[in-house]
Amino acid sequence: MYDLAWRQDQDGTFNLLFGQGNQPLLSTQVSWLDDADPTLGEVENGDYTDLQYVGFAQLPAPAQGNARHLTVSTLRKRGPEITKAQVATIRRLMAARESAVAAGYIRPGRSAPVIGKPMSFGGRH
């Protein structure tokens, strides 16, 4: 199961696209790897269970006078910017994954995103 955390700006609070209890599931039942000619259209149609289209953002164009003119060279000079909140979120997600591995919910090395509070799986706590 997975979710997508998003926010409006670098200082905003993260929101979950699907939310607790509504997350889609991934499986290997119908893998895109088994398709000799996979297409983006098939992903968007939900044809695969291990590669799923999550969503898109439609952003308005900036006002004529407010556009920030960033070029590749400008970005290379400044480098990427990451906020303290982003670092905290990454650390929280990594700690939650480590806890899930330690509790035996997932095996080490397996892809299993853990977002938010650890969830109860069956009778195991």
Foldseek 3Di string as FASTA:
>chain_A
DDWDWDDDDQPGDTDTPQDPPRDQAADQPFAPVPPPDDDVVCQDVVVHRHRHDHDDDDDDDDDPVPDDDDDPVNCVVVDDDHDPVRVVQVVVFVVLVVVCCVQVVDPPPDDDGDHDDDDDDPPRD
